[in-house]
Amino acid sequence: MSQEILLELDDLLQAERELSGLLAAIQADEREARVLYACLQDWKGQSANVLREQVEAFFMETARRIREIEEQKNALIQYVHYMKQVDGAS
């Protein structure tokens, strides 16, 4: 492998590790938020309903962002694999 490609692969692998860390942090925060959300189930009234709707919207957006980051991570992994194949063919 040429030195230039090794550096680029190292950068890509570092980006993959960072995405994995970001996903883990978001998922941990989501689990904590779900525990807190469970406490809202006993609340009654209009303000409780509004808060529940806002929290549910937060969970939907969080799920969307997690999917988006996972897709980016998968694309990055595929690209790293491709780069290794191309470099091995040289």
C-alpha atoms as a PDB file:
ATOM      1  CA  MET A   1       0.000   0.000   0.000  1.00  0.00           C
ATOM      2  CA  SER A   2       1.260   3.429  -0.786  1.00  0.00           C
ATOM      3  CA  GLN A   3       1.771   5.881   2.073  1.00  0.00           C
ATOM      4  CA  GLU A   4      -0.847   8.279   0.704  1.00  0.00           C
ATOM      5  CA  ILE A   5      -3.573   5.628   0.710  1.00  0.00           C
ATOM      6  CA  LEU A   6      -2.622   4.446   4.208  1.00  0.00           C
ATOM      7  CA  LEU A   7      -3.104   7.938   5.571  1.00  0.00           C
ATOM      8  CA  GLU A   8      -6.442   8.270   3.847  1.00  0.00           C
ATOM      9  CA  LEU A   9      -7.572   4.883   5.147  1.00  0.00           C
ATOM     10  CA  ASP A  10      -6.489   5.843   8.653  1.00  0.00           C
ATOM     11  CA  ASP A  11      -8.576   9.002   8.393  1.00  0.00           C
ATOM     12  CA  LEU A  12     -11.569   7.033   7.128  1.00  0.00           C
ATOM     13  CA  LEU A  13     -11.206   4.450   9.885  1.00  0.00           C
ATOM     14  CA  GLN A  14     -10.989   7.255  12.457  1.00  0.00           C
ATOM     15  CA  ALA A  15     -14.188   8.745  11.020  1.00  0.00           C
ATOM     16  CA  GLU A  16     -15.862   5.339  11.341  1.00  0.00           C
ATOM     17  CA  ARG A  17     -14.819   5.115  15.003  1.00  0.00           C
ATOM     18  CA  GLU A  18     -16.146   8.619  15.628  1.00  0.00           C
ATOM     19  CA  LEU A  19     -19.481   7.757  14.008  1.00  0.00           C
ATOM     20  CA  SER A  20     -19.685   4.648  16.188  1.00  0.00           C
ATOM     21  CA  GLY A  21     -19.040   6.767  19.276  1.00  0.00           C
ATOM     22  CA  LEU A  22     -21.639   9.300  18.208  1.00  0.00           C
ATOM     23  CA  LEU A  23     -24.209   6.557  17.659  1.00  0.00           C
ATOM     24  CA  ALA A  24     -23.476   5.046  21.068  1.00  0.00           C
ATOM     25  CA  ALA A  25     -23.855   8.435  22.771  1.00  0.00           C
ATOM     26  CA  ILE A  26     -27.136   9.223  20.992  1.00  0.00           C
ATOM     27  CA  GLN A  27     -28.538   5.793  21.792  1.00  0.00           C
ATOM     28  CA  ALA A  28     -27.546   6.129  25.464  1.00  0.00           C
ATOM     29  CA  ASP A  29     -29.216   9.558  25.620  1.00  0.00           C
ATOM     30  CA  GLU A  30     -32.325   8.133  23.966  1.00  0.00           C
ATOM     31  CA  ARG A  31     -32.518   5.303  26.521  1.00  0.00           C
ATOM     32  CA  GLU A  32     -32.236   7.843  29.348  1.00  0.00           C
ATOM     33  CA  ALA A  33     -34.933  10.012  27.760  1.00  0.00           C
ATOM     34  CA  ARG A  34     -37.228   6.987  27.473  1.00  0.00           C
ATOM     35  CA  VAL A  35     -36.832   6.300  31.185  1.00  0.00           C
ATOM     36  CA  LEU A  36     -37.806   9.891  31.929  1.00  0.00           C
ATOM     37  CA  TYR A  37     -40.643   9.687  29.395  1.00  0.00           C
ATOM     38  CA  ALA A  38     -42.080   6.697  31.252  1.00  0.00           C
ATOM     39  CA  CYS A  39     -42.517   8.969  34.264  1.00  0.00           C
ATOM     40  CA  LEU A  40     -44.835  11.195  32.202  1.00  0.00           C
ATOM     41  CA  GLN A  41     -47.407   8.427  31.841  1.00  0.00           C
ATOM     42  CA  ASP A  42     -48.901   9.313  35.224  1.00  0.00           C
ATOM     43  CA  TRP A  43     -49.305  12.973  34.326  1.00  0.00           C
ATOM     44  CA  LYS A  44     -52.775  14.139  33.329  1.00  0.00           C
ATOM     45  CA  GLY A  45     -54.125  17.162  31.532  1.00  0.00           C
ATOM     46  CA  GLN A  46     -53.470  19.284  28.473  1.00  0.00           C
ATOM     47  CA  SER A  47     -49.905  20.245  29.375  1.00  0.00           C
ATOM     48  CA  ALA A  48     -49.029  16.572  29.895  1.00  0.00           C
ATOM     49  CA  ASN A  49     -50.465  15.743  26.468  1.00  0.00           C
ATOM     50  CA  VAL A  50     -48.494  18.549  24.836  1.00  0.00           C
ATOM     51  CA  LEU A  51     -45.295  17.454  26.545  1.00  0.00           C
ATOM     52  CA  ARG A  52     -45.878  13.823  25.525  1.00  0.00           C
ATOM     53  CA  GLU A  53     -46.372  14.903  21.902  1.00  0.00           C
ATOM     54  CA  GLN A  54     -43.158  16.925  21.999  1.00  0.00           C
ATOM     55  CA  VAL A  55     -41.193  14.035  23.493  1.00  0.00           C
ATOM     56  CA  GLU A  56     -42.628  11.601  20.937  1.00  0.00           C
ATOM     57  CA  ALA A  57     -41.590  13.991  18.150  1.00  0.00           C
ATOM     58  CA  PHE A  58     -38.116  14.064  19.704  1.00  0.00           C
ATOM     59  CA  PHE A  59     -37.973  10.249  19.629  1.00  0.00           C
ATOM     60  CA  MET A  60     -39.061  10.184  15.983  1.00  0.00           C
ATOM     61  CA  GLU A  61     -36.387  12.725  15.035  1.00  0.00           C
ATOM     62  CA  THR A  62     -33.769  10.863  17.059  1.00  0.00           C
ATOM     63  CA  ALA A  63     -34.649   7.606  15.281  1.00  0.00           C
ATOM     64  CA  ARG A  64     -34.377   9.369  11.908  1.00  0.00           C
ATOM     65  CA  ARG A  65     -30.967  10.783  12.773  1.00  0.00           C
ATOM     66  CA  ILE A  66     -29.728   7.434  14.055  1.00  0.00           C
ATOM     67  CA  ARG A  67     -30.763   5.802  10.761  1.00  0.00           C
ATOM     68  CA  GLU A  68     -29.033   8.590   8.849  1.00  0.00           C
ATOM     69  CA  ILE A  69     -25.779   8.195  10.806  1.00  0.00           C
ATOM     70  CA  GLU A  70     -25.926   4.402  10.443  1.00  0.00           C
ATOM     71  CA  GLU A  71     -26.340   4.799   6.668  1.00  0.00           C
ATOM     72  CA  GLN A  72     -23.361   7.161   6.538  1.00  0.00           C
ATOM     73  CA  LYS A  73     -21.300   4.749   8.606  1.00  0.00           C
ATOM     74  CA  ASN A  74     -22.233   1.822   6.346  1.00  0.00           C
ATOM     75  CA  ALA A  75     -21.331   3.840   3.253  1.00  0.00           C
ATOM     76  CA  LEU A  76     -18.004   4.720   4.858  1.00  0.00           C
ATOM     77  CA  ILE A  77     -17.316   1.062   5.686  1.00  0.00           C
ATOM     78  CA  GLN A  78     -18.100   0.071   2.099  1.00  0.00           C
ATOM     79  CA  TYR A  79     -15.803   2.794   0.791  1.00  0.00           C
ATOM     80  CA  VAL A  80     -12.971   1.667   3.083  1.00  0.00           C
ATOM     81  CA  HIS A  81     -13.447  -1.896   1.868  1.00  0.00           C
ATOM     82  CA  TYR A  82     -13.372  -0.673  -1.740  1.00  0.00           C
ATOM     83  CA  MET A  83     -10.217   1.365  -1.111  1.00  0.00           C
ATOM     84  CA  LYS A  84      -8.502  -1.694   0.358  1.00  0.00           C
ATOM     85  CA  GLN A  85      -9.492  -3.792  -2.656  1.00  0.00           C
ATOM     86  CA  VAL A  86      -8.295  -1.185  -5.135  1.00  0.00           C
ATOM     87  CA  ASP A  87      -5.016  -0.742  -3.310  1.00  0.00           C
ATOM     88  CA  GLY A  88      -4.526  -4.506  -3.151  1.00  0.00           C
ATOM     89  CA  ALA A  89      -5.061  -4.758  -6.918  1.00  0.00           C
ATOM     90  CA  SER A  90      -2.335  -2.179  -7.630  1.00  0.00           C
END
